[in-house]
């Protein structure tokens, strides 16, 4: 299943959030694949498309960042999957 993760941080959290990202590479735990990640340069937010069948691992990974980021995680489907829904 795919999820869109939207993260946001306040300007005063930018240095700490960026340092942690650079140190860890933002790598997910086993069982979670990053499909793509985009950063809003200077905007304090970013977007990650994640693929996993393990929502518990996704939840645990998100809590590793919740001291610095607010996260919104939304299940999403791609065009092909949406077309299958519309055609049924």
PDB file of N, CA and C in Angstrom:
ATOM      1  N   UNK A   1       0.848  -1.175   0.000  1.00  0.00           N
ATOM      2  CA  UNK A   1       0.000   0.000   0.000  1.00  0.00           C
ATOM      3  C   UNK A   1       0.894   1.238   0.000  1.00  0.00           C
ATOM      4  N   UNK A   2       0.416   2.275  -0.662  1.00  0.00           N
ATOM      5  CA  UNK A   2       1.181   3.528  -0.738  1.00  0.00           C
ATOM      6  C   UNK A   2       0.596   4.575   0.202  1.00  0.00           C
ATOM      7  N   UNK A   3       1.488   5.392   0.743  1.00  0.00           N
ATOM      8  CA  UNK A   3       1.109   6.480   1.637  1.00  0.00           C
ATOM      9  C   UNK A   3       1.852   7.733   1.216  1.00  0.00           C
ATOM     10  N   UNK A   4       1.200   8.878   1.374  1.00  0.00           N
ATOM     11  CA  UNK A   4       1.842  10.173   1.207  1.00  0.00           C
ATOM     12  C   UNK A   4       2.074  10.733   2.597  1.00  0.00           C
ATOM     13  N   UNK A   5       3.317  11.016   2.901  1.00  0.00           N
ATOM     14  CA  UNK A   5       3.667  11.630   4.174  1.00  0.00           C
ATOM     15  C   UNK A   5       4.033  13.086   3.908  1.00  0.00           C
ATOM     16  N   UNK A   6       3.353  13.983   4.589  1.00  0.00           N
ATOM     17  CA  UNK A   6       3.629  15.410   4.472  1.00  0.00           C
ATOM     18  C   UNK A   6       4.200  15.855   5.810  1.00  0.00           C
ATOM     19  N   UNK A   7       5.442  16.329   5.784  1.00  0.00           N
ATOM     20  CA  UNK A   7       6.042  16.782   7.034  1.00  0.00           C
ATOM     21  C   UNK A   7       6.166  18.300   7.041  1.00  0.00           C
ATOM     22  N   UNK A   8       6.111  18.852   8.234  1.00  0.00           N
ATOM     23  CA  UNK A   8       6.279  20.299   8.420  1.00  0.00           C
ATOM     24  C   UNK A   8       7.112  20.528   9.672  1.00  0.00           C
ATOM     25  N   UNK A   9       7.939  21.556   9.626  1.00  0.00           N
ATOM     26  CA  UNK A   9       8.652  21.963  10.827  1.00  0.00           C
ATOM     27  C   UNK A   9       8.654  23.477  10.919  1.00  0.00           C
ATOM     28  N   UNK A  10       8.766  23.945  12.147  1.00  0.00           N
ATOM     29  CA  UNK A  10       8.807  25.385  12.388  1.00  0.00           C
ATOM     30  C   UNK A  10      10.219  25.890  12.123  1.00  0.00           C
ATOM     31  N   UNK A  11      10.374  27.171  11.772  1.00  0.00           N
ATOM     32  CA  UNK A  11      11.703  27.708  11.477  1.00  0.00           C
ATOM     33  C   UNK A  11      12.728  27.442  12.584  1.00  0.00           C
ATOM     34  N   UNK A  12      12.291  27.500  13.824  1.00  0.00           N
ATOM     35  CA  UNK A  12      13.240  27.275  14.925  1.00  0.00           C
ATOM     36  C   UNK A  12      13.651  25.803  15.047  1.00  0.00           C
ATOM     37  N   UNK A  13      12.971  24.907  14.357  1.00  0.00           N
ATOM     38  CA  UNK A  13      13.314  23.487  14.367  1.00  0.00           C
ATOM     39  C   UNK A  13      14.142  23.077  13.153  1.00  0.00           C
ATOM     40  N   UNK A  14      14.332  23.991  12.214  1.00  0.00           N
ATOM     41  CA  UNK A  14      14.985  23.657  10.946  1.00  0.00           C
ATOM     42  C   UNK A  14      16.388  23.097  11.143  1.00  0.00           C
ATOM     43  N   UNK A  15      17.181  23.727  11.957  1.00  0.00           N
ATOM     44  CA  UNK A  15      18.571  23.275  12.133  1.00  0.00           C
ATOM     45  C   UNK A  15      18.616  21.861  12.686  1.00  0.00           C
ATOM     46  N   UNK A  16      17.821  21.574  13.715  1.00  0.00           N
ATOM     47  CA  UNK A  16      17.814  20.239  14.314  1.00  0.00           C
ATOM     48  C   UNK A  16      17.250  19.194  13.349  1.00  0.00           C
ATOM     49  N   UNK A  17      16.188  19.544  12.649  1.00  0.00           N
ATOM     50  CA  UNK A  17      15.588  18.604  11.694  1.00  0.00           C
ATOM     51  C   UNK A  17      16.560  18.303  10.550  1.00  0.00           C
ATOM     52  N   UNK A  18      17.212  19.327  10.035  1.00  0.00           N
ATOM     53  CA  UNK A  18      18.164  19.127   8.943  1.00  0.00           C
ATOM     54  C   UNK A  18      19.367  18.317   9.410  1.00  0.00           C
ATOM     55  N   UNK A  19      19.848  18.575  10.611  1.00  0.00           N
ATOM     56  CA  UNK A  19      20.988  17.815  11.147  1.00  0.00           C
ATOM     57  C   UNK A  19      20.645  16.338  11.274  1.00  0.00           C
ATOM     58  N   UNK A  20      19.469  16.045  11.821  1.00  0.00           N
ATOM     59  CA  UNK A  20      19.066  14.641  11.977  1.00  0.00           C
ATOM     60  C   UNK A  20      18.925  13.969  10.617  1.00  0.00           C
ATOM     61  N   UNK A  21      18.358  14.684   9.658  1.00  0.00           N
ATOM     62  CA  UNK A  21      18.205  14.121   8.318  1.00  0.00           C
ATOM     63  C   UNK A  21      19.569  13.819   7.699  1.00  0.00           C
ATOM     64  N   UNK A  22      20.505  14.763   7.820  1.00  0.00           N
ATOM     65  CA  UNK A  22      21.837  14.561   7.239  1.00  0.00           C
ATOM     66  C   UNK A  22      22.582  13.418   7.923  1.00  0.00           C
ATOM     67  N   UNK A  23      22.411  13.270   9.221  1.00  0.00           N
ATOM     68  CA  UNK A  23      23.072  12.188   9.963  1.00  0.00           C
ATOM     69  C   UNK A  23      22.486  10.820   9.617  1.00  0.00           C
ATOM     70  N   UNK A  24      21.174  10.749   9.513  1.00  0.00           N
ATOM     71  CA  UNK A  24      20.502   9.456   9.311  1.00  0.00           C
ATOM     72  C   UNK A  24      20.230   9.150   7.848  1.00  0.00           C
ATOM     73  N   UNK A  25      20.234  10.162   7.016  1.00  0.00           N
ATOM     74  CA  UNK A  25      19.844   9.987   5.625  1.00  0.00           C
ATOM     75  C   UNK A  25      18.340   9.822   5.459  1.00  0.00           C
ATOM     76  N   UNK A  26      17.608   9.934   6.568  1.00  0.00           N
ATOM     77  CA  UNK A  26      16.162   9.771   6.517  1.00  0.00           C
ATOM     78  C   UNK A  26      15.741   8.380   6.070  1.00  0.00           C
ATOM     79  N   UNK A  27      16.630   7.404   6.286  1.00  0.00           N
ATOM     80  CA  UNK A  27      16.361   6.046   5.818  1.00  0.00           C
ATOM     81  C   UNK A  27      15.251   5.396   6.639  1.00  0.00           C
ATOM     82  N   UNK A  28      14.347   4.725   5.956  1.00  0.00           N
ATOM     83  CA  UNK A  28      13.261   4.034   6.668  1.00  0.00           C
ATOM     84  C   UNK A  28      13.734   2.687   7.200  1.00  0.00           C
ATOM     85  N   UNK A  29      13.000   2.139   8.141  1.00  0.00           N
ATOM     86  CA  UNK A  29      13.326   0.798   8.625  1.00  0.00           C
ATOM     87  C   UNK A  29      12.956  -0.268   7.587  1.00  0.00           C
ATOM     88  N   UNK A  30      13.380  -1.476   7.845  1.00  0.00           N
ATOM     89  CA  UNK A  30      13.054  -2.595   6.971  1.00  0.00           C
ATOM     90  C   UNK A  30      11.541  -2.725   6.835  1.00  0.00           C
ATOM     91  N   UNK A  31      11.108  -3.025   5.634  1.00  0.00           N
ATOM     92  CA  UNK A  31       9.677  -3.186   5.381  1.00  0.00           C
ATOM     93  C   UNK A  31       9.007  -1.938   4.849  1.00  0.00           C
ATOM     94  N   UNK A  32       9.774  -0.842   4.756  1.00  0.00           N
ATOM     95  CA  UNK A  32       9.237   0.409   4.216  1.00  0.00           C
ATOM     96  C   UNK A  32      10.126   0.849   3.058  1.00  0.00           C
ATOM     97  N   UNK A  33       9.499   1.100   1.921  1.00  0.00           N
ATOM     98  CA  UNK A  33      10.230   1.558   0.740  1.00  0.00           C
ATOM     99  C   UNK A  33       9.836   2.996   0.444  1.00  0.00           C
ATOM    100  N   UNK A  34      10.823   3.856   0.270  1.00  0.00           N
ATOM    101  CA  UNK A  34      10.564   5.226  -0.164  1.00  0.00           C
ATOM    102  C   UNK A  34      10.500   5.226  -1.686  1.00  0.00           C
ATOM    103  N   UNK A  35       9.347   5.613  -2.219  1.00  0.00           N
ATOM    104  CA  UNK A  35       9.156   5.695  -3.656  1.00  0.00           C
ATOM    105  C   UNK A  35       9.767   6.992  -4.178  1.00  0.00           C
ATOM    106  N   UNK A  36       9.620   8.064  -3.412  1.00  0.00           N
ATOM    107  CA  UNK A  36      10.188   9.357  -3.774  1.00  0.00           C
ATOM    108  C   UNK A  36      10.036  10.332  -2.621  1.00  0.00           C
ATOM    109  N   UNK A  37      10.933  11.314  -2.583  1.00  0.00           N
ATOM    110  CA  UNK A  37      10.869  12.322  -1.523  1.00  0.00           C
ATOM    111  C   UNK A  37      11.216  13.674  -2.141  1.00  0.00           C
ATOM    112  N   UNK A  38      10.436  14.688  -1.765  1.00  0.00           N
ATOM    113  CA  UNK A  38      10.620  16.036  -2.284  1.00  0.00           C
ATOM    114  C   UNK A  38      10.620  17.009  -1.116  1.00  0.00           C
ATOM    115  N   UNK A  39      11.499  18.004  -1.192  1.00  0.00           N
ATOM    116  CA  UNK A  39      11.661  18.972  -0.116  1.00  0.00           C
ATOM    117  C   UNK A  39      11.278  20.370  -0.613  1.00  0.00           C
ATOM    118  N   UNK A  40      10.497  21.066   0.170  1.00  0.00           N
ATOM    119  CA  UNK A  40      10.130  22.455  -0.111  1.00  0.00           C
ATOM    120  C   UNK A  40      11.250  23.323   0.469  1.00  0.00           C
ATOM    121  N   UNK A  41      12.199  23.676  -0.380  1.00  0.00           N
ATOM    122  CA  UNK A  41      13.364  24.418   0.081  1.00  0.00           C
ATOM    123  C   UNK A  41      12.925  25.757   0.653  1.00  0.00           C
ATOM    124  N   UNK A  42      13.247  25.961   1.903  1.00  0.00           N
ATOM    125  CA  UNK A  42      12.908  27.207   2.574  1.00  0.00           C
ATOM    126  C   UNK A  42      11.478  27.279   3.057  1.00  0.00           C
ATOM    127  N   UNK A  43      10.686  26.254   2.757  1.00  0.00           N
ATOM    128  CA  UNK A  43       9.278  26.286   3.120  1.00  0.00           C
ATOM    129  C   UNK A  43       8.938  25.516   4.382  1.00  0.00           C
ATOM    130  N   UNK A  44       9.897  24.771   4.909  1.00  0.00           N
ATOM    131  CA  UNK A  44       9.663  24.042   6.139  1.00  0.00           C
ATOM    132  C   UNK A  44       8.758  22.839   6.011  1.00  0.00           C
ATOM    133  N   UNK A  45       8.691  22.274   4.807  1.00  0.00           N
ATOM    134  CA  UNK A  45       7.863  21.085   4.637  1.00  0.00           C
ATOM    135  C   UNK A  45       8.431  20.213   3.516  1.00  0.00           C
ATOM    136  N   UNK A  46       7.917  19.000   3.449  1.00  0.00           N
ATOM    137  CA  UNK A  46       8.341  18.074   2.413  1.00  0.00           C
ATOM    138  C   UNK A  46       7.309  16.983   2.243  1.00  0.00           C
ATOM    139  N   UNK A  47       7.531  16.167   1.223  1.00  0.00           N
ATOM    140  CA  UNK A  47       6.560  15.165   0.822  1.00  0.00           C
ATOM    141  C   UNK A  47       7.291  13.869   0.507  1.00  0.00           C
ATOM    142  N   UNK A  48       6.801  12.762   1.039  1.00  0.00           N
ATOM    143  CA  UNK A  48       7.402  11.464   0.794  1.00  0.00           C
ATOM    144  C   UNK A  48       6.304  10.488   0.402  1.00  0.00           C
ATOM    145  N   UNK A  49       6.517   9.771  -0.687  1.00  0.00           N
ATOM    146  CA  UNK A  49       5.633   8.678  -1.044  1.00  0.00           C
ATOM    147  C   UNK A  49       6.311   7.403  -0.562  1.00  0.00           C
ATOM    148  N   UNK A  50       5.565   6.642   0.237  1.00  0.00           N
ATOM    149  CA  UNK A  50       6.079   5.464   0.914  1.00  0.00           C
ATOM    150  C   UNK A  50       5.244   4.270   0.490  1.00  0.00           C
ATOM    151  N   UNK A  51       5.892   3.121   0.370  1.00  0.00           N
ATOM    152  CA  UNK A  51       5.163   1.889   0.088  1.00  0.00           C
ATOM    153  C   UNK A  51       5.462   0.891   1.201  1.00  0.00           C
ATOM    154  N   UNK A  52       4.416   0.353   1.806  1.00  0.00           N
ATOM    155  CA  UNK A  52       4.576  -0.644   2.864  1.00  0.00           C
ATOM    156  C   UNK A  52       3.274  -1.400   3.073  1.00  0.00           C
ATOM    157  N   UNK A  53       3.422  -2.614   3.529  1.00  0.00           N
ATOM    158  CA  UNK A  53       2.270  -3.397   3.973  1.00  0.00           C
ATOM    159  C   UNK A  53       2.273  -3.505   5.492  1.00  0.00           C
ATOM    160  N   UNK A  54       3.154  -2.732   6.136  1.00  0.00           N
ATOM    161  CA  UNK A  54       3.318  -2.795   7.588  1.00  0.00           C
ATOM    162  C   UNK A  54       3.041  -1.436   8.218  1.00  0.00           C
ATOM    163  N   UNK A  55       1.774  -1.130   8.517  1.00  0.00           N
ATOM    164  CA  UNK A  55       1.461   0.173   9.101  1.00  0.00           C
ATOM    165  C   UNK A  55       2.071   0.378  10.486  1.00  0.00           C
ATOM    166  N   UNK A  56       2.378  -0.707  11.190  1.00  0.00           N
ATOM    167  CA  UNK A  56       3.020  -0.568  12.499  1.00  0.00           C
ATOM    168  C   UNK A  56       4.440  -0.029  12.321  1.00  0.00           C
ATOM    169  N   UNK A  57       5.185  -0.563  11.359  1.00  0.00           N
ATOM    170  CA  UNK A  57       6.534  -0.055  11.087  1.00  0.00           C
ATOM    171  C   UNK A  57       6.482   1.407  10.656  1.00  0.00           C
ATOM    172  N   UNK A  58       5.490   1.757   9.854  1.00  0.00           N
ATOM    173  CA  UNK A  58       5.333   3.148   9.421  1.00  0.00           C
ATOM    174  C   UNK A  58       5.057   4.056  10.609  1.00  0.00           C
ATOM    175  N   UNK A  59       4.207   3.615  11.495  1.00  0.00           N
ATOM    176  CA  UNK A  59       3.888   4.395  12.694  1.00  0.00           C
ATOM    177  C   UNK A  59       5.109   4.564  13.590  1.00  0.00           C
ATOM    178  N   UNK A  60       5.869   3.487  13.784  1.00  0.00           N
ATOM    179  CA  UNK A  60       7.083   3.566  14.613  1.00  0.00           C
ATOM    180  C   UNK A  60       8.096   4.529  13.995  1.00  0.00           C
ATOM    181  N   UNK A  61       8.270   4.448  12.675  1.00  0.00           N
ATOM    182  CA  UNK A  61       9.224   5.334  12.001  1.00  0.00           C
ATOM    183  C   UNK A  61       8.800   6.787  12.162  1.00  0.00           C
ATOM    184  N   UNK A  62       7.506   7.060  12.034  1.00  0.00           N
ATOM    185  CA  UNK A  62       7.043   8.444  12.154  1.00  0.00           C
ATOM    186  C   UNK A  62       7.274   8.990  13.568  1.00  0.00           C
ATOM    187  N   UNK A  63       7.174   8.135  14.582  1.00  0.00           N
ATOM    188  CA  UNK A  63       7.387   8.629  15.952  1.00  0.00           C
ATOM    189  C   UNK A  63       8.846   8.988  16.208  1.00  0.00           C
ATOM    190  N   UNK A  64       9.759   8.477  15.390  1.00  0.00           N
ATOM    191  CA  UNK A  64      11.169   8.848  15.532  1.00  0.00           C
ATOM    192  C   UNK A  64      11.402  10.317  15.169  1.00  0.00           C
ATOM    193  N   UNK A  65      10.444  10.917  14.478  1.00  0.00           N
ATOM    194  CA  UNK A  65      10.584  12.301  14.018  1.00  0.00           C
ATOM    195  C   UNK A  65       9.592  13.254  14.676  1.00  0.00           C
ATOM    196  N   UNK A  66       8.668  12.749  15.464  1.00  0.00           N
ATOM    197  CA  UNK A  66       7.587  13.618  15.937  1.00  0.00           C
ATOM    198  C   UNK A  66       8.008  14.669  16.956  1.00  0.00           C
ATOM    199  N   UNK A  67       9.247  14.601  17.434  1.00  0.00           N
ATOM    200  CA  UNK A  67       9.733  15.674  18.299  1.00  0.00           C
ATOM    201  C   UNK A  67      10.138  16.912  17.500  1.00  0.00           C
ATOM    202  N   UNK A  68      10.382  16.730  16.192  1.00  0.00           N
ATOM    203  CA  UNK A  68      10.826  17.843  15.347  1.00  0.00           C
ATOM    204  C   UNK A  68       9.853  18.181  14.218  1.00  0.00           C
ATOM    205  N   UNK A  69       9.042  17.211  13.833  1.00  0.00           N
ATOM    206  CA  UNK A  69       8.168  17.406  12.675  1.00  0.00           C
ATOM    207  C   UNK A  69       6.728  17.115  13.040  1.00  0.00           C
ATOM    208  N   UNK A  70       5.822  17.826  12.392  1.00  0.00           N
ATOM    209  CA  UNK A  70       4.434  17.377  12.417  1.00  0.00           C
ATOM    210  C   UNK A  70       4.237  16.597  11.122  1.00  0.00           C
ATOM    211  N   UNK A  71       3.644  15.422  11.243  1.00  0.00           N
ATOM    212  CA  UNK A  71       3.478  14.533  10.100  1.00  0.00           C
ATOM    213  C   UNK A  71       2.006  14.265   9.837  1.00  0.00           C
ATOM    214  N   UNK A  72       1.660  14.311   8.578  1.00  0.00           N
ATOM    215  CA  UNK A  72       0.343  13.873   8.139  1.00  0.00           C
ATOM    216  C   UNK A  72       0.599  12.728   7.167  1.00  0.00           C
ATOM    217  N   UNK A  73       0.043  11.562   7.464  1.00  0.00           N
ATOM    218  CA  UNK A  73       0.247  10.392   6.615  1.00  0.00           C
ATOM    219  C   UNK A  73      -1.106   9.963   6.067  1.00  0.00           C
ATOM    220  N   UNK A  74      -1.180   9.924   4.728  1.00  0.00           N
ATOM    221  CA  UNK A  74      -2.445   9.678   4.043  1.00  0.00           C
ATOM    222  C   UNK A  74      -2.285   8.485   3.103  1.00  0.00           C
ATOM    223  N   UNK A  75      -3.163   7.474   3.192  1.00  0.00           N
ATOM    224  CA  UNK A  75      -3.110   6.403   2.196  1.00  0.00           C
ATOM    225  C   UNK A  75      -3.519   6.951   0.828  1.00  0.00           C
ATOM    226  N   UNK A  76      -2.788   6.533  -0.216  1.00  0.00           N
ATOM    227  CA  UNK A  76      -3.071   7.022  -1.569  1.00  0.00           C
ATOM    228  C   UNK A  76      -3.039   5.861  -2.556  1.00  0.00           C
ATOM    229  N   UNK A  77      -3.690   6.080  -3.713  1.00  0.00           N
ATOM    230  CA  UNK A  77      -3.645   5.121  -4.813  1.00  0.00           C
ATOM    231  C   UNK A  77      -3.187   5.856  -6.068  1.00  0.00           C
ATOM    232  N   UNK A  78      -2.594   5.110  -6.998  1.00  0.00           N
ATOM    233  CA  UNK A  78      -2.123   5.725  -8.230  1.00  0.00           C
ATOM    234  C   UNK A  78      -3.231   5.749  -9.291  1.00  0.00           C
ATOM    235  N   UNK A  79      -2.924   6.278 -10.460  1.00  0.00           N
ATOM    236  CA  UNK A  79      -3.938   6.410 -11.510  1.00  0.00           C
ATOM    237  C   UNK A  79      -4.551   5.067 -11.911  1.00  0.00           C
ATOM    238  N   UNK A  80      -3.732   4.055 -12.072  1.00  0.00           N
ATOM    239  CA  UNK A  80      -4.225   2.743 -12.475  1.00  0.00           C
ATOM    240  C   UNK A  80      -5.184   2.177 -11.432  1.00  0.00           C
ATOM    241  N   UNK A  81      -4.819   2.310 -10.167  1.00  0.00           N
ATOM    242  CA  UNK A  81      -5.692   1.821  -9.100  1.00  0.00           C
ATOM    243  C   UNK A  81      -6.995   2.634  -9.036  1.00  0.00           C
ATOM    244  N   UNK A  82      -6.886   3.942  -9.218  1.00  0.00           N
ATOM    245  CA  UNK A  82      -8.088   4.780  -9.209  1.00  0.00           C
ATOM    246  C   UNK A  82      -9.000   4.429 -10.389  1.00  0.00           C
ATOM    247  N   UNK A  83      -8.414   4.159 -11.551  1.00  0.00           N
ATOM    248  CA  UNK A  83      -9.214   3.782 -12.728  1.00  0.00           C
ATOM    249  C   UNK A  83      -9.968   2.488 -12.469  1.00  0.00           C
ATOM    250  N   UNK A  84      -9.336   1.545 -11.777  1.00  0.00           N
ATOM    251  CA  UNK A  84      -9.999   0.281 -11.457  1.00  0.00           C
ATOM    252  C   UNK A  84     -11.195   0.533 -10.547  1.00  0.00           C
ATOM    253  N   UNK A  85     -11.061   1.465  -9.620  1.00  0.00           N
ATOM    254  CA  UNK A  85     -12.168   1.807  -8.715  1.00  0.00           C
ATOM    255  C   UNK A  85     -13.279   2.466  -9.513  1.00  0.00           C
ATOM    256  N   UNK A  86     -12.943   3.402 -10.388  1.00  0.00           N
ATOM    257  CA  UNK A  86     -13.954   4.124 -11.167  1.00  0.00           C
ATOM    258  C   UNK A  86     -14.679   3.220 -12.149  1.00  0.00           C
ATOM    259  N   UNK A  87     -13.974   2.186 -12.612  1.00  0.00           N
ATOM    260  CA  UNK A  87     -14.571   1.300 -13.591  1.00  0.00           C
ATOM    261  C   UNK A  87     -15.445   0.208 -13.004  1.00  0.00           C
ATOM    262  N   UNK A  88     -15.432   0.095 -11.689  1.00  0.00           N
ATOM    263  CA  UNK A  88     -16.199  -1.012 -11.083  1.00  0.00           C
ATOM    264  C   UNK A  88     -17.643  -0.649 -10.829  1.00  0.00           C
TER     265      UNK A  88
END
